[in-house]
PDB file of N, CA and C in Angstrom:
ATOM      1  N   MET A   1     -29.330 -19.290  -0.182  1.00  0.00           N
ATOM      2  CA  MET A   1     -28.609 -19.299  -1.275  1.00  0.00           C
ATOM      3  C   MET A   1     -27.334 -19.104  -1.826  1.00  0.00           C
ATOM      4  N   THR A   2     -26.246 -20.060  -2.357  1.00  0.00           N
ATOM      5  CA  THR A   2     -25.164 -19.780  -2.596  1.00  0.00           C
ATOM      6  C   THR A   2     -24.604 -19.014  -2.656  1.00  0.00           C
ATOM      7  N   LYS A   3     -23.098 -18.773  -2.565  1.00  0.00           N
ATOM      8  CA  LYS A   3     -22.350 -17.440  -3.352  1.00  0.00           C
ATOM      9  C   LYS A   3     -22.123 -17.748  -4.662  1.00  0.00           C
ATOM     10  N   LEU A   4     -22.617 -18.637  -5.114  1.00  0.00           N
ATOM     11  CA  LEU A   4     -22.111 -19.002  -6.535  1.00  0.00           C
ATOM     12  C   LEU A   4     -23.387 -18.137  -7.000  1.00  0.00           C
ATOM     13  N   MET A   5     -24.765 -18.705  -6.351  1.00  0.00           N
ATOM     14  CA  MET A   5     -25.939 -18.053  -7.006  1.00  0.00           C
ATOM     15  C   MET A   5     -26.238 -16.552  -6.947  1.00  0.00           C
ATOM     16  N   GLU A   6     -25.733 -16.059  -5.791  1.00  0.00           N
ATOM     17  CA  GLU A   6     -25.659 -14.614  -5.392  1.00  0.00           C
ATOM     18  C   GLU A   6     -24.672 -13.917  -6.679  1.00  0.00           C
ATOM     19  N   TRP A   7     -23.611 -14.455  -7.026  1.00  0.00           N
ATOM     20  CA  TRP A   7     -22.740 -14.023  -7.976  1.00  0.00           C
ATOM     21  C   TRP A   7     -23.574 -14.064  -9.689  1.00  0.00           C
ATOM     22  N   LEU A   8     -24.022 -15.159  -9.592  1.00  0.00           N
ATOM     23  CA  LEU A   8     -24.786 -15.280 -10.968  1.00  0.00           C
ATOM     24  C   LEU A   8     -25.327 -14.701 -11.128  1.00  0.00           C
ATOM     25  N   SER A   9     -26.803 -14.327 -10.237  1.00  0.00           N
ATOM     26  CA  SER A   9     -28.130 -13.506 -10.687  1.00  0.00           C
ATOM     27  C   SER A   9     -27.488 -11.785 -10.457  1.00  0.00           C
ATOM     28  N   GLY A  10     -26.533 -11.303  -9.810  1.00  0.00           N
ATOM     29  CA  GLY A  10     -25.998 -10.187 -10.387  1.00  0.00           C
ATOM     30  C   GLY A  10     -25.735  -9.916 -11.301  1.00  0.00           C
ATOM     31  N   ALA A  11     -24.953 -10.890 -12.138  1.00  0.00           N
ATOM     32  CA  ALA A  11     -24.112 -11.021 -13.115  1.00  0.00           C
ATOM     33  C   ALA A  11     -25.467 -11.104 -14.519  1.00  0.00           C
ATOM     34  N   GLY A  12     -26.268 -11.839 -14.429  1.00  0.00           N
ATOM     35  CA  GLY A  12     -27.572 -11.993 -14.905  1.00  0.00           C
ATOM     36  C   GLY A  12     -28.182 -10.491 -14.985  1.00  0.00           C
ATOM     37  N   VAL A  13     -28.450  -9.993 -13.677  1.00  0.00           N
ATOM     38  CA  VAL A  13     -28.809  -8.694 -14.220  1.00  0.00           C
ATOM     39  C   VAL A  13     -28.462  -7.698 -14.696  1.00  0.00           C
ATOM     40  N   LEU A  14     -26.998  -7.340 -14.305  1.00  0.00           N
ATOM     41  CA  LEU A  14     -26.544  -6.581 -15.376  1.00  0.00           C
ATOM     42  C   LEU A  14     -26.344  -6.901 -16.974  1.00  0.00           C
ATOM     43  N   PHE A  15     -26.463  -8.015 -17.320  1.00  0.00           N
ATOM     44  CA  PHE A  15     -25.881  -8.482 -18.221  1.00  0.00           C
ATOM     45  C   PHE A  15     -27.383  -8.337 -18.806  1.00  0.00           C
ATOM     46  N   ALA A  16     -28.998  -8.510 -18.268  1.00  0.00           N
ATOM     47  CA  ALA A  16     -29.891  -8.342 -18.958  1.00  0.00           C
ATOM     48  C   ALA A  16     -29.730  -6.699 -18.973  1.00  0.00           C
ATOM     49  N   VAL A  17     -29.491  -6.270 -18.659  1.00  0.00           N
ATOM     50  CA  VAL A  17     -29.347  -4.155 -18.595  1.00  0.00           C
ATOM     51  C   VAL A  17     -28.828  -3.854 -19.630  1.00  0.00           C
ATOM     52  N   TRP A  18     -27.453  -4.362 -19.735  1.00  0.00           N
ATOM     53  CA  TRP A  18     -26.135  -4.416 -20.955  1.00  0.00           C
ATOM     54  C   TRP A  18     -27.078  -4.451 -22.334  1.00  0.00           C
ATOM     55  N   PHE A  19     -27.579  -5.884 -22.124  1.00  0.00           N
ATOM     56  CA  PHE A  19     -28.330  -5.962 -23.376  1.00  0.00           C
ATOM     57  C   PHE A  19     -29.723  -5.447 -24.528  1.00  0.00           C
ATOM     58  N   TYR A  20     -30.167  -5.091 -22.625  1.00  0.00           N
ATOM     59  CA  TYR A  20     -31.099  -4.238 -23.456  1.00  0.00           C
ATOM     60  C   TYR A  20     -30.733  -3.051 -24.041  1.00  0.00           C
ATOM     61  N   LEU A  21     -29.731  -1.977 -23.446  1.00  0.00           N
ATOM     62  CA  LEU A  21     -29.701  -1.026 -23.846  1.00  0.00           C
ATOM     63  C   LEU A  21     -28.732  -0.979 -25.189  1.00  0.00           C
ATOM     64  N   ILE A  22     -28.001  -2.093 -25.372  1.00  0.00           N
ATOM     65  CA  ILE A  22     -27.193  -2.444 -26.727  1.00  0.00           C
ATOM     66  C   ILE A  22     -28.060  -2.808 -28.179  1.00  0.00           C
ATOM     67  N   THR A  23     -29.821  -3.294 -27.702  1.00  0.00           N
ATOM     68  CA  THR A  23     -30.428  -3.610 -28.691  1.00  0.00           C
ATOM     69  C   THR A  23     -31.252  -2.584 -29.063  1.00  0.00           C
ATOM     70  N   ASN A  24     -31.987  -2.342 -27.728  1.00  0.00           N
ATOM     71  CA  ASN A  24     -33.278  -1.077 -27.766  1.00  0.00           C
ATOM     72  C   ASN A  24     -32.931   0.041 -28.377  1.00  0.00           C
ATOM     73  N   LYS A  25     -31.601   0.952 -27.386  1.00  0.00           N
ATOM     74  CA  LYS A  25     -30.968   2.112 -27.734  1.00  0.00           C
ATOM     75  C   LYS A  25     -32.211   3.368 -27.546  1.00  0.00           C
ATOM     76  N   PRO A  26     -32.791   2.965 -25.902  1.00  0.00           N
ATOM     77  CA  PRO A  26     -33.644   3.723 -25.576  1.00  0.00           C
ATOM     78  C   PRO A  26     -34.241   5.200 -25.406  1.00  0.00           C
ATOM     79  N   ASN A  27     -32.772   6.009 -25.589  1.00  0.00           N
ATOM     80  CA  ASN A  27     -32.943   7.372 -25.353  1.00  0.00           C
ATOM     81  C   ASN A  27     -31.332   7.758 -25.850  1.00  0.00           C
ATOM     82  N   ASN A  28     -31.672   9.002 -26.054  1.00  0.00           N
ATOM     83  CA  ASN A  28     -30.783   9.915 -26.805  1.00  0.00           C
ATOM     84  C   ASN A  28     -28.946   9.632 -26.012  1.00  0.00           C
ATOM     85  N   PHE A  29     -28.982   9.550 -24.739  1.00  0.00           N
ATOM     86  CA  PHE A  29     -27.734   9.370 -23.860  1.00  0.00           C
ATOM     87  C   PHE A  29     -27.119   7.855 -24.611  1.00  0.00           C
ATOM     88  N   VAL A  30     -28.021   6.653 -24.389  1.00  0.00           N
ATOM     89  CA  VAL A  30     -27.579   5.628 -25.020  1.00  0.00           C
ATOM     90  C   VAL A  30     -27.117   5.611 -26.300  1.00  0.00           C
ATOM     91  N   ARG A  31     -27.658   6.396 -27.553  1.00  0.00           N
ATOM     92  CA  ARG A  31     -27.269   6.519 -28.653  1.00  0.00           C
ATOM     93  C   ARG A  31     -25.862   6.924 -28.457  1.00  0.00           C
ATOM     94  N   GLU A  32     -25.680   8.255 -27.989  1.00  0.00           N
ATOM     95  CA  GLU A  32     -24.052   8.924 -27.594  1.00  0.00           C
ATOM     96  C   GLU A  32     -23.119   7.774 -26.985  1.00  0.00           C
ATOM     97  N   GLN A  33     -23.642   7.280 -26.239  1.00  0.00           N
ATOM     98  CA  GLN A  33     -22.587   6.399 -25.567  1.00  0.00           C
ATOM     99  C   GLN A  33     -22.547   5.232 -26.311  1.00  0.00           C
ATOM    100  N   TYR A  34     -22.851   5.026 -27.092  1.00  0.00           N
ATOM    101  CA  TYR A  34     -23.056   3.431 -27.747  1.00  0.00           C
ATOM    102  C   TYR A  34     -22.160   2.676 -27.833  1.00  0.00           C
ATOM    103  N   ASP A  35     -20.669   3.240 -28.253  1.00  0.00           N
ATOM    104  CA  ASP A  35     -19.414   2.702 -28.024  1.00  0.00           C
ATOM    105  C   ASP A  35     -18.910   1.799 -26.546  1.00  0.00           C
ATOM    106  N   LEU A  36     -19.081   2.941 -25.306  1.00  0.00           N
ATOM    107  CA  LEU A  36     -18.768   2.650 -24.410  1.00  0.00           C
ATOM    108  C   LEU A  36     -19.665   1.925 -23.470  1.00  0.00           C
ATOM    109  N   ILE A  37     -20.795   1.537 -23.674  1.00  0.00           N
ATOM    110  CA  ILE A  37     -21.875   0.690 -23.413  1.00  0.00           C
ATOM    111  C   ILE A  37     -21.235  -0.457 -23.817  1.00  0.00           C
ATOM    112  N   LEU A  38     -20.953  -0.389 -25.547  1.00  0.00           N
ATOM    113  CA  LEU A  38     -20.954  -2.028 -25.721  1.00  0.00           C
ATOM    114  C   LEU A  38     -19.413  -2.478 -25.368  1.00  0.00           C
ATOM    115  N   TYR A  39     -18.439  -1.984 -25.036  1.00  0.00           N
ATOM    116  CA  TYR A  39     -17.376  -2.674 -24.697  1.00  0.00           C
ATOM    117  C   TYR A  39     -16.927  -2.778 -22.942  1.00  0.00           C
ATOM    118  N   SER A  40     -17.873  -1.729 -22.409  1.00  0.00           N
ATOM    119  CA  SER A  40     -17.838  -1.895 -20.923  1.00  0.00           C
ATOM    120  C   SER A  40     -17.775  -3.270 -20.305  1.00  0.00           C
ATOM    121  N   PRO A  41     -17.925  -4.544 -20.532  1.00  0.00           N
ATOM    122  CA  PRO A  41     -17.802  -5.587 -20.485  1.00  0.00           C
ATOM    123  C   PRO A  41     -16.632  -5.896 -20.285  1.00  0.00           C
ATOM    124  N   ILE A  42     -15.840  -5.832 -21.183  1.00  0.00           N
ATOM    125  CA  ILE A  42     -14.647  -6.017 -21.472  1.00  0.00           C
ATOM    126  C   ILE A  42     -13.897  -4.631 -20.400  1.00  0.00           C
ATOM    127  N   ILE A  43     -14.358  -3.692 -20.545  1.00  0.00           N
ATOM    128  CA  ILE A  43     -13.645  -2.980 -19.585  1.00  0.00           C
ATOM    129  C   ILE A  43     -13.939  -3.271 -17.722  1.00  0.00           C
ATOM    130  N   PHE A  44     -14.701  -4.108 -17.783  1.00  0.00           N
ATOM    131  CA  PHE A  44     -14.935  -4.195 -16.241  1.00  0.00           C
ATOM    132  C   PHE A  44     -14.380  -5.221 -16.187  1.00  0.00           C
ATOM    133  N   VAL A  45     -14.198  -6.361 -17.118  1.00  0.00           N
ATOM    134  CA  VAL A  45     -13.323  -8.158 -16.886  1.00  0.00           C
ATOM    135  C   VAL A  45     -11.782  -7.355 -16.468  1.00  0.00           C
ATOM    136  N   LEU A  46     -11.012  -6.434 -17.362  1.00  0.00           N
ATOM    137  CA  LEU A  46     -10.043  -6.079 -17.515  1.00  0.00           C
ATOM    138  C   LEU A  46      -9.660  -5.154 -16.268  1.00  0.00           C
ATOM    139  N   LEU A  47     -10.630  -4.337 -16.092  1.00  0.00           N
ATOM    140  CA  LEU A  47     -10.237  -3.523 -14.543  1.00  0.00           C
ATOM    141  C   LEU A  47     -10.074  -4.489 -13.284  1.00  0.00           C
ATOM    142  N   PHE A  48     -11.025  -5.681 -13.170  1.00  0.00           N
ATOM    143  CA  PHE A  48     -11.218  -6.619 -12.303  1.00  0.00           C
ATOM    144  C   PHE A  48      -9.844  -7.387 -12.006  1.00  0.00           C
ATOM    145  N   GLY A  49      -9.576  -7.672 -13.518  1.00  0.00           N
ATOM    146  CA  GLY A  49      -8.197  -8.721 -13.707  1.00  0.00           C
ATOM    147  C   GLY A  49      -6.933  -7.217 -13.156  1.00  0.00           C
ATOM    148  N   LEU A  50      -6.776  -6.573 -13.362  1.00  0.00           N
ATOM    149  CA  LEU A  50      -5.786  -5.797 -12.476  1.00  0.00           C
ATOM    150  C   LEU A  50      -5.855  -5.347 -11.053  1.00  0.00           C
ATOM    151  N   TYR A  51      -7.266  -5.627 -10.726  1.00  0.00           N
ATOM    152  CA  TYR A  51      -7.239  -5.170  -9.011  1.00  0.00           C
ATOM    153  C   TYR A  51      -6.900  -6.409  -8.437  1.00  0.00           C
ATOM    154  N   ALA A  52      -7.593  -7.928  -8.771  1.00  0.00           N
ATOM    155  CA  ALA A  52      -7.314  -8.982  -8.453  1.00  0.00           C
ATOM    156  C   ALA A  52      -5.740  -9.483  -8.508  1.00  0.00           C
ATOM    157  N   ALA A  53      -4.720  -8.751  -9.472  1.00  0.00           N
ATOM    158  CA  ALA A  53      -3.435  -8.938  -9.855  1.00  0.00           C
ATOM    159  C   ALA A  53      -2.848  -7.883  -8.766  1.00  0.00           C
ATOM    160  N   SER A  54      -3.015  -6.656  -8.165  1.00  0.00           N
ATOM    161  CA  SER A  54      -3.068  -6.158  -7.695  1.00  0.00           C
ATOM    162  C   SER A  54      -3.090  -6.498  -5.564  1.00  0.00           C
ATOM    163  N   VAL A  55      -4.001  -7.067  -5.762  1.00  0.00           N
ATOM    164  CA  VAL A  55      -3.940  -7.908  -4.653  1.00  0.00           C
ATOM    165  C   VAL A  55      -3.479  -8.633  -4.309  1.00  0.00           C
ATOM    166  N   VAL A  56      -2.925  -9.922  -5.298  1.00  0.00           N
ATOM    167  CA  VAL A  56      -2.345 -11.129  -4.908  1.00  0.00           C
ATOM    168  C   VAL A  56      -0.505 -10.394  -5.009  1.00  0.00           C
ATOM    169  N   LEU A  57      -0.770  -9.302  -5.940  1.00  0.00           N
ATOM    170  CA  LEU A  57       1.060  -8.886  -5.696  1.00  0.00           C
ATOM    171  C   LEU A  57       1.193  -8.382  -4.176  1.00  0.00           C
ATOM    172  N   TYR A  58       0.288  -7.252  -3.688  1.00  0.00           N
ATOM    173  CA  TYR A  58       0.334  -6.850  -2.626  1.00  0.00           C
ATOM    174  C   TYR A  58       0.151  -8.063  -1.395  1.00  0.00           C
ATOM    175  N   ARG A  59      -0.594  -8.626  -1.335  1.00  0.00           N
ATOM    176  CA  ARG A  59      -0.283  -9.670  -0.638  1.00  0.00           C
ATOM    177  C   ARG A  59       0.782 -10.488  -0.038  1.00  0.00           C
ATOM    178  N   VAL A  60       1.459 -11.112  -1.687  1.00  0.00           N
ATOM    179  CA  VAL A  60       2.803 -11.596  -1.614  1.00  0.00           C
ATOM    180  C   VAL A  60       3.715 -10.622  -1.080  1.00  0.00           C
ATOM    181  N   TYR A  61       3.872  -9.339  -1.611  1.00  0.00           N
ATOM    182  CA  TYR A  61       4.780  -8.473  -1.047  1.00  0.00           C
ATOM    183  C   TYR A  61       4.909  -8.402   0.571  1.00  0.00           C
ATOM    184  N   THR A  62       3.553  -7.948   0.890  1.00  0.00           N
ATOM    185  CA  THR A  62       3.381  -8.070   2.876  1.00  0.00           C
ATOM    186  C   THR A  62       3.448  -9.130   3.194  1.00  0.00           C
ATOM    187  N   PHE A  63       3.634 -10.313   2.793  1.00  0.00           N
ATOM    188  CA  PHE A  63       3.929 -12.002   3.556  1.00  0.00           C
ATOM    189  C   PHE A  63       4.751 -12.022   4.609  1.00  0.00           C
ATOM    190  N   ASN A  64       4.195 -12.366   5.312  1.00  0.00           N
ATOM    191  CA  ASN A  64       5.472 -12.495   6.566  1.00  0.00           C
ATOM    192  C   ASN A  64       6.256 -13.508   6.456  1.00  0.00           C
ATOM    193  N   ASP A  65       7.638 -13.555   6.846  1.00  0.00           N
ATOM    194  CA  ASP A  65       8.474 -14.181   6.649  1.00  0.00           C
ATOM    195  C   ASP A  65       8.379 -15.238   7.944  1.00  0.00           C
ATOM    196  N   CYS A  66       8.402 -16.640   8.179  1.00  0.00           N
ATOM    197  CA  CYS A  66       7.701 -17.437   9.436  1.00  0.00           C
ATOM    198  C   CYS A  66       8.918 -18.012   8.986  1.00  0.00           C
ATOM    199  N   GLU A  67      10.250 -17.374  10.198  1.00  0.00           N
ATOM    200  CA  GLU A  67      11.863 -18.068  10.271  1.00  0.00           C
ATOM    201  C   GLU A  67      11.745 -19.576  11.067  1.00  0.00           C
ATOM    202  N   LYS A  68      10.722 -19.412  12.244  1.00  0.00           N
ATOM    203  CA  LYS A  68      10.469 -20.693  12.859  1.00  0.00           C
ATOM    204  C   LYS A  68      10.377 -21.589  12.464  1.00  0.00           C
ATOM    205  N   ALA A  69       8.944 -21.384  11.611  1.00  0.00           N
ATOM    206  CA  ALA A  69       8.748 -22.635  10.907  1.00  0.00           C
ATOM    207  C   ALA A  69       8.959 -22.831   9.826  1.00  0.00           C
ATOM    208  N   ALA A  70       9.664 -22.194   9.311  1.00  0.00           N
ATOM    209  CA  ALA A  70      10.786 -22.572   8.297  1.00  0.00           C
ATOM    210  C   ALA A  70      12.268 -23.269   8.970  1.00  0.00           C
ATOM    211  N   ALA A  71      12.357 -23.492  10.064  1.00  0.00           N
ATOM    212  CA  ALA A  71      13.441 -24.092  10.576  1.00  0.00           C
ATOM    213  C   ALA A  71      13.133 -25.239  11.125  1.00  0.00           C
ATOM    214  N   GLU A  72      11.622 -25.326  11.881  1.00  0.00           N
ATOM    215  CA  GLU A  72      11.457 -26.676  11.950  1.00  0.00           C
ATOM    216  C   GLU A  72      10.699 -27.271  10.754  1.00  0.00           C
ATOM    217  N   LEU A  73      10.568 -26.842   9.901  1.00  0.00           N
ATOM    218  CA  LEU A  73      10.452 -27.751   8.340  1.00  0.00           C
ATOM    219  C   LEU A  73      11.689 -28.361   8.157  1.00  0.00           C
ATOM    220  N   GLN A  74      12.887 -27.229   7.822  1.00  0.00           N
ATOM    221  CA  GLN A  74      14.517 -27.789   7.385  1.00  0.00           C
ATOM    222  C   GLN A  74      14.395 -29.009   8.358  1.00  0.00           C
ATOM    223  N   GLU A  75      14.270 -28.698   9.743  1.00  0.00           N
ATOM    224  CA  GLU A  75      14.468 -30.099  10.809  1.00  0.00           C
ATOM    225  C   GLU A  75      13.860 -31.733  10.851  1.00  0.00           C
ATOM    226  N   TYR A  76      12.793 -31.460  10.174  1.00  0.00           N
ATOM    227  CA  TYR A  76      11.634 -32.376   9.980  1.00  0.00           C
ATOM    228  C   TYR A  76      12.427 -33.044   8.506  1.00  0.00           C
ATOM    229  N   ILE A  77      12.558 -32.256   7.862  1.00  0.00           N
ATOM    230  CA  ILE A  77      13.155 -32.581   6.407  1.00  0.00           C
ATOM    231  C   ILE A  77      13.974 -33.924   6.814  1.00  0.00           C
ATOM    232  N   PHE A  78      15.729 -33.058   7.567  1.00  0.00           N
ATOM    233  CA  PHE A  78      16.898 -33.486   7.672  1.00  0.00           C
ATOM    234  C   PHE A  78      16.520 -34.884   8.671  1.00  0.00           C
ATOM    235  N   CYS A  79      15.606 -35.179   9.273  1.00  0.00           N
ATOM    236  CA  CYS A  79      15.157 -36.256  10.360  1.00  0.00           C
ATOM    237  C   CYS A  79      14.754 -37.246   9.364  1.00  0.00           C
ATOM    238  N   ARG A  80      13.544 -36.812   8.417  1.00  0.00           N
ATOM    239  CA  ARG A  80      13.060 -37.904   7.866  1.00  0.00           C
ATOM    240  C   ARG A  80      14.101 -38.579   6.949  1.00  0.00           C
ATOM    241  N   LYS A  81      15.251 -37.622   6.810  1.00  0.00           N
ATOM    242  CA  LYS A  81      16.373 -37.883   5.204  1.00  0.00           C
ATOM    243  C   LYS A  81      17.175 -38.841   6.511  1.00  0.00           C
ATOM    244  N   SER A  82      17.652 -38.273   7.657  1.00  0.00           N
ATOM    245  CA  SER A  82      18.375 -39.426   8.392  1.00  0.00           C
ATOM    246  C   SER A  82      17.755 -40.556   8.371  1.00  0.00           C
ATOM    247  N   LYS A  83      16.595 -40.688   8.531  1.00  0.00           N
ATOM    248  CA  LYS A  83      15.788 -42.025   9.246  1.00  0.00           C
ATOM    249  C   LYS A  83      16.038 -42.959   7.753  1.00  0.00           C
ATOM    250  N   LYS A  84      15.206 -42.288   6.555  1.00  0.00           N
ATOM    251  CA  LYS A  84      15.661 -42.963   5.394  1.00  0.00           C
ATOM    252  C   LYS A  84      16.565 -43.558   5.046  1.00  0.00           C
ATOM    253  N   GLN A  85      17.860 -42.679   5.361  1.00  0.00           N
ATOM    254  CA  GLN A  85      19.307 -43.446   5.027  1.00  0.00           C
ATOM    255  C   GLN A  85      19.440 -44.617   6.243  1.00  0.00           C
ATOM    256  N   LYS A  86      19.208 -44.175   7.042  1.00  0.00           N
ATOM    257  CA  LYS A  86      19.710 -45.361   8.015  1.00  0.00           C
ATOM    258  C   LYS A  86      18.839 -46.819   7.889  1.00  0.00           C
ATOM    259  N   LYS A  87      17.284 -46.399   7.656  1.00  0.00           N
ATOM    260  CA  LYS A  87      16.798 -48.079   6.976  1.00  0.00           C
ATOM    261  C   LYS A  87      17.102 -48.461   5.411  1.00  0.00           C
ATOM    262  N   ASN A  88      17.964 -47.547   4.414  1.00  0.00           N
ATOM    263  CA  ASN A  88      18.395 -48.390   3.458  1.00  0.00           C
ATOM    264  C   ASN A  88      19.945 -49.002   4.064  1.00  0.00           C
TER     265      ASN A  88
END
């Protein structure tokens, strides 16, 4: 089973439980917390978006500077430009 199928299966199960709760209202707790249950998918998507953004920002902030690789790349670019000028 691929990761995509695992995630889709999990999302399908959560959707089925959520849909059951908002359509049947099986007990008093669900009736009392109906608004929270109804908007919970939107809340989860927003929380996941905040988590994803914070992970990306953290990894960008802690990204190591590769000065040696940058110098090597600049040297390569300079070499290619000079070869191109000699060719023309």
